Amino acid sequence: MRYGQRRMTKKLFRAIPFLGAVAAVATVAAVARRKGLVRGTVDTALDFTPFVGLVKNALEVLRGRDFIPDRRPGHSGPPRA
């Protein structure tokens, strides 16, 4: 029983980074609309990269906001810093 649990846990931990990449690709259109094409693409690329996306998201949770903020509502130009 323990052998099976260890083996299943090991497989799950190997799959987690790639599951995050699948989620990033699935949300690329919504992120690009919300953040703009360039910022959305950069944000998705970081999220897509295994371990980098995990660290980025963990730091964003601790920080309480995104590293790459959304565009201002109703503004079509580049976002302010």
N, C-alpha and C. Protein backbone atom coordinates (compact mmCIF):
# COMPACT_ATOMS: atom_id res chain seq x y z
N MET A 1 0.82 -1.19 0.00
CA MET A 1 0.00 0.00 0.00
C MET A 1 0.87 1.26 0.00
N ARG A 2 1.87 1.32 0.86
CA ARG A 2 2.74 2.49 0.93
C ARG A 2 3.52 2.69 -0.37
N TYR A 3 3.96 1.58 -0.95
CA TYR A 3 4.69 1.66 -2.21
C TYR A 3 3.81 2.31 -3.28
N GLY A 4 2.56 1.90 -3.36
CA GLY A 4 1.63 2.47 -4.34
C GLY A 4 1.38 3.95 -4.09
N GLN A 5 1.26 4.34 -2.83
CA GLN A 5 1.04 5.75 -2.49
C GLN A 5 2.26 6.58 -2.87
N ARG A 6 3.44 6.07 -2.55
CA ARG A 6 4.67 6.80 -2.88
C ARG A 6 4.81 6.95 -4.39
N ARG A 7 4.51 5.90 -5.10
CA ARG A 7 4.64 5.94 -6.55
C ARG A 7 3.65 6.93 -7.17
N MET A 8 2.41 6.92 -6.67
CA MET A 8 1.38 7.83 -7.17
C MET A 8 1.75 9.28 -6.83
N THR A 9 2.26 9.53 -5.63
CA THR A 9 2.67 10.87 -5.23
C THR A 9 3.81 11.37 -6.11
N LYS A 10 4.76 10.50 -6.40
CA LYS A 10 5.89 10.86 -7.25
C LYS A 10 5.42 11.25 -8.65
N LYS A 11 4.49 10.50 -9.21
CA LYS A 11 3.97 10.80 -10.54
C LYS A 11 3.19 12.12 -10.54
N LEU A 12 2.44 12.36 -9.48
CA LEU A 12 1.67 13.60 -9.37
C LEU A 12 2.59 14.81 -9.30
N PHE A 13 3.66 14.73 -8.50
CA PHE A 13 4.59 15.84 -8.40
C PHE A 13 5.31 16.10 -9.71
N ARG A 14 5.54 15.08 -10.50
CA ARG A 14 6.15 15.27 -11.81
C ARG A 14 5.19 15.95 -12.77
N ALA A 15 3.90 15.71 -12.62
CA ALA A 15 2.89 16.24 -13.54
C ALA A 15 2.48 17.67 -13.21
N ILE A 16 2.63 18.09 -11.97
CA ILE A 16 2.13 19.41 -11.55
C ILE A 16 2.68 20.57 -12.39
N PRO A 17 3.97 20.67 -12.67
CA PRO A 17 4.44 21.79 -13.49
C PRO A 17 3.80 21.83 -14.87
N PHE A 18 3.54 20.68 -15.46
CA PHE A 18 2.96 20.63 -16.79
C PHE A 18 1.47 20.93 -16.76
N LEU A 19 0.80 20.63 -15.67
CA LEU A 19 -0.61 20.99 -15.53
C LEU A 19 -0.75 22.51 -15.48
N GLY A 20 0.18 23.18 -14.84
CA GLY A 20 0.19 24.63 -14.81
C GLY A 20 0.39 25.21 -16.20
N ALA A 21 1.23 24.58 -17.00
CA ALA A 21 1.45 25.04 -18.37
C ALA A 21 0.18 24.89 -19.20
N VAL A 22 -0.54 23.81 -19.01
CA VAL A 22 -1.81 23.60 -19.73
C VAL A 22 -2.81 24.69 -19.34
N ALA A 23 -2.89 25.01 -18.06
CA ALA A 23 -3.80 26.07 -17.61
C ALA A 23 -3.39 27.43 -18.18
N ALA A 24 -2.11 27.70 -18.28
CA ALA A 24 -1.64 28.98 -18.83
C ALA A 24 -2.03 29.11 -20.30
N VAL A 25 -1.87 28.06 -21.06
CA VAL A 25 -2.22 28.09 -22.48
C VAL A 25 -3.74 28.25 -22.65
N ALA A 26 -4.51 27.63 -21.78
CA ALA A 26 -5.97 27.70 -21.87
C ALA A 26 -6.49 29.11 -21.58
N THR A 27 -5.75 29.90 -20.83
CA THR A 27 -6.21 31.24 -20.45
C THR A 27 -5.50 32.36 -21.18
N VAL A 28 -4.70 32.05 -22.19
CA VAL A 28 -3.89 33.07 -22.87
C VAL A 28 -4.75 34.16 -23.49
N ALA A 29 -5.88 33.86 -24.08
CA ALA A 29 -6.71 34.88 -24.73
C ALA A 29 -7.30 35.85 -23.70
N ALA A 30 -7.79 35.33 -22.59
CA ALA A 30 -8.37 36.19 -21.56
C ALA A 30 -7.31 37.09 -20.93
N VAL A 31 -6.13 36.55 -20.71
CA VAL A 31 -5.05 37.35 -20.11
C VAL A 31 -4.59 38.43 -21.08
N ALA A 32 -4.51 38.12 -22.37
CA ALA A 32 -4.09 39.11 -23.37
C ALA A 32 -5.12 40.23 -23.47
N ARG A 33 -6.40 39.91 -23.36
CA ARG A 33 -7.43 40.96 -23.38
C ARG A 33 -7.33 41.85 -22.14
N ARG A 34 -7.07 41.24 -21.00
CA ARG A 34 -7.05 41.97 -19.74
C ARG A 34 -5.78 42.80 -19.56
N LYS A 35 -4.64 42.29 -19.99
CA LYS A 35 -3.36 42.95 -19.74
C LYS A 35 -2.80 43.63 -20.98
N GLY A 36 -3.33 43.35 -22.13
CA GLY A 36 -2.76 43.85 -23.38
C GLY A 36 -1.96 42.74 -24.03
N LEU A 37 -1.70 42.87 -25.32
CA LEU A 37 -1.06 41.78 -26.06
C LEU A 37 0.34 41.45 -25.55
N VAL A 38 1.19 42.46 -25.42
CA VAL A 38 2.58 42.20 -25.02
C VAL A 38 2.64 41.75 -23.56
N ARG A 39 2.00 42.51 -22.66
CA ARG A 39 2.04 42.15 -21.24
C ARG A 39 1.37 40.80 -20.99
N GLY A 40 0.27 40.54 -21.69
CA GLY A 40 -0.42 39.26 -21.53
C GLY A 40 0.42 38.09 -22.01
N THR A 41 1.14 38.32 -23.12
CA THR A 41 2.01 37.26 -23.65
C THR A 41 3.17 36.99 -22.70
N VAL A 42 3.76 38.04 -22.16
CA VAL A 42 4.88 37.86 -21.21
C VAL A 42 4.38 37.15 -19.95
N ASP A 43 3.23 37.55 -19.44
CA ASP A 43 2.67 36.93 -18.24
C ASP A 43 2.38 35.44 -18.49
N THR A 44 1.79 35.13 -19.64
CA THR A 44 1.49 33.74 -19.97
C THR A 44 2.77 32.94 -20.17
N ALA A 45 3.78 33.53 -20.81
CA ALA A 45 5.05 32.82 -21.02
C ALA A 45 5.70 32.48 -19.68
N LEU A 46 5.65 33.41 -18.74
CA LEU A 46 6.21 33.12 -17.41
C LEU A 46 5.40 32.02 -16.71
N ASP A 47 4.08 32.09 -16.81
CA ASP A 47 3.24 31.07 -16.20
C ASP A 47 3.43 29.71 -16.87
N PHE A 48 3.70 29.71 -18.17
CA PHE A 48 3.86 28.47 -18.93
C PHE A 48 5.15 27.74 -18.58
N THR A 49 6.18 28.47 -18.20
CA THR A 49 7.48 27.87 -17.91
C THR A 49 7.42 27.12 -16.57
N PRO A 50 7.68 25.80 -16.59
CA PRO A 50 7.62 25.04 -15.33
C PRO A 50 8.57 25.61 -14.28
N PHE A 51 8.13 25.62 -13.07
CA PHE A 51 8.84 26.10 -11.88
C PHE A 51 8.93 27.63 -11.84
N VAL A 52 9.21 28.30 -12.97
CA VAL A 52 9.22 29.76 -12.99
C VAL A 52 7.81 30.28 -12.72
N GLY A 53 6.83 29.69 -13.38
CA GLY A 53 5.44 30.08 -13.16
C GLY A 53 4.99 29.80 -11.74
N LEU A 54 5.43 28.70 -11.19
CA LEU A 54 5.09 28.35 -9.82
C LEU A 54 5.65 29.37 -8.84
N VAL A 55 6.90 29.75 -9.02
CA VAL A 55 7.53 30.74 -8.15
C VAL A 55 6.87 32.11 -8.33
N LYS A 56 6.61 32.50 -9.59
CA LYS A 56 5.96 33.79 -9.87
C LYS A 56 4.60 33.87 -9.19
N ASN A 57 3.80 32.84 -9.34
CA ASN A 57 2.46 32.85 -8.74
C ASN A 57 2.52 32.82 -7.22
N ALA A 58 3.46 32.09 -6.66
CA ALA A 58 3.60 32.07 -5.20
C ALA A 58 3.99 33.44 -4.66
N LEU A 59 4.90 34.12 -5.35
CA LEU A 59 5.30 35.46 -4.93
C LEU A 59 4.17 36.47 -5.09
N GLU A 60 3.37 36.30 -6.14
CA GLU A 60 2.21 37.18 -6.33
C GLU A 60 1.19 36.99 -5.21
N VAL A 61 1.01 35.77 -4.78
CA VAL A 61 0.08 35.50 -3.67
C VAL A 61 0.60 36.15 -2.39
N LEU A 62 1.89 36.00 -2.13
CA LEU A 62 2.48 36.61 -0.93
C LEU A 62 2.45 38.13 -1.00
N ARG A 63 2.68 38.67 -2.18
CA ARG A 63 2.71 40.11 -2.39
C ARG A 63 1.30 40.72 -2.39
N GLY A 64 0.33 39.95 -2.86
CA GLY A 64 -1.05 40.42 -2.89
C GLY A 64 -1.46 41.13 -4.16
N ARG A 65 -0.60 41.14 -5.18
CA ARG A 65 -0.94 41.76 -6.46
C ARG A 65 -0.05 41.18 -7.56
N ASP A 66 -0.44 41.44 -8.80
CA ASP A 66 0.30 40.92 -9.95
C ASP A 66 1.60 41.69 -10.17
N PHE A 67 2.61 40.99 -10.68
CA PHE A 67 3.83 41.66 -11.10
C PHE A 67 3.59 42.43 -12.39
N ILE A 68 2.74 41.88 -13.25
CA ILE A 68 2.38 42.53 -14.50
C ILE A 68 0.91 42.94 -14.37
N PRO A 69 0.65 44.22 -14.04
CA PRO A 69 -0.72 44.65 -13.77
C PRO A 69 -1.58 44.70 -15.03
N ASP A 70 -2.90 44.69 -14.82
CA ASP A 70 -3.87 44.82 -15.91
C ASP A 70 -3.85 46.24 -16.46
N ARG A 71 -4.36 46.37 -17.69
CA ARG A 71 -4.53 47.72 -18.25
C ARG A 71 -5.61 48.44 -17.48
N ARG A 72 -5.57 49.76 -17.54
CA ARG A 72 -6.64 50.53 -16.91
C ARG A 72 -7.91 50.36 -17.73
N PRO A 73 -9.08 50.24 -17.10
CA PRO A 73 -10.33 50.09 -17.85
C PRO A 73 -10.59 51.30 -18.75
N GLY A 74 -11.01 51.03 -19.98
CA GLY A 74 -11.35 52.09 -20.91
C GLY A 74 -10.16 52.81 -21.51
N HIS A 75 -8.97 52.30 -21.33
CA HIS A 75 -7.77 52.94 -21.85
C HIS A 75 -7.13 52.02 -22.87
N SER A 76 -6.93 52.49 -24.09
CA SER A 76 -6.38 51.63 -25.14
C SER A 76 -4.88 51.82 -25.33
N GLY A 77 -4.30 52.84 -24.71
CA GLY A 77 -2.86 53.08 -24.86
C GLY A 77 -2.06 52.24 -23.90
N PRO A 78 -0.74 52.49 -23.86
CA PRO A 78 0.11 51.71 -22.95
C PRO A 78 -0.22 52.04 -21.50
N PRO A 79 -0.13 51.07 -20.60
CA PRO A 79 -0.44 51.30 -19.20
C PRO A 79 0.59 52.19 -18.52
N ARG A 80 0.15 52.91 -17.52
CA ARG A 80 1.07 53.75 -16.75
C ARG A 80 1.84 52.89 -15.77
N ALA A 81 3.05 53.35 -15.44
CA ALA A 81 3.89 52.61 -14.49
C ALA A 81 3.48 52.86 -13.07
